[in-house]
Amino acid sequence: MPEKEQSVMWVVAMVMLVIAAFGWAFMAAGYAHAAEGWRSEGVAGGDAPPQIARAGRRAWVDFVFNAVKQIPNFFAVCGYSFSNQIWLPILFAVLEVLAVGGGYAMIHVEKALNSPRGRR
């Protein structure tokens, strides 16, 4: 049974959604760290490798849960990010534009490959 291929627009939309989710998570982490003291206790030194891996997994879980927890503080997070960390929203906006540009380029390549001239 042949697999159904996803359209280029669907792939670009999913990439943009992932970029937006990571952008929100990083902005929420910056806000929570500054406003609420989230994860400001530091990292314990001298951990054995299994403990480091466990701490890394815990940090990832905290990062994701903090992003969800900060959704009600949307305006405060955005205000903090645009006033104190303007580079972060700009970075993720540029990444979104690059995703759209990459999708646009992929559509043109796909059309060129599907045209009679593009086939050999």
Foldseek 3Di string as FASTA:
>chain_A
DDDDDDDLVVVLVVVLVVLVLVLLLVLLVVCCCVPVVPPVPDDDPDDDVVVVVVVVVVVVVVSNVSSVVCVVVVVVSVVCCVVPPVVSVVVSVVVSVVSVVVSVVVVVVVVLCPDPVNDD
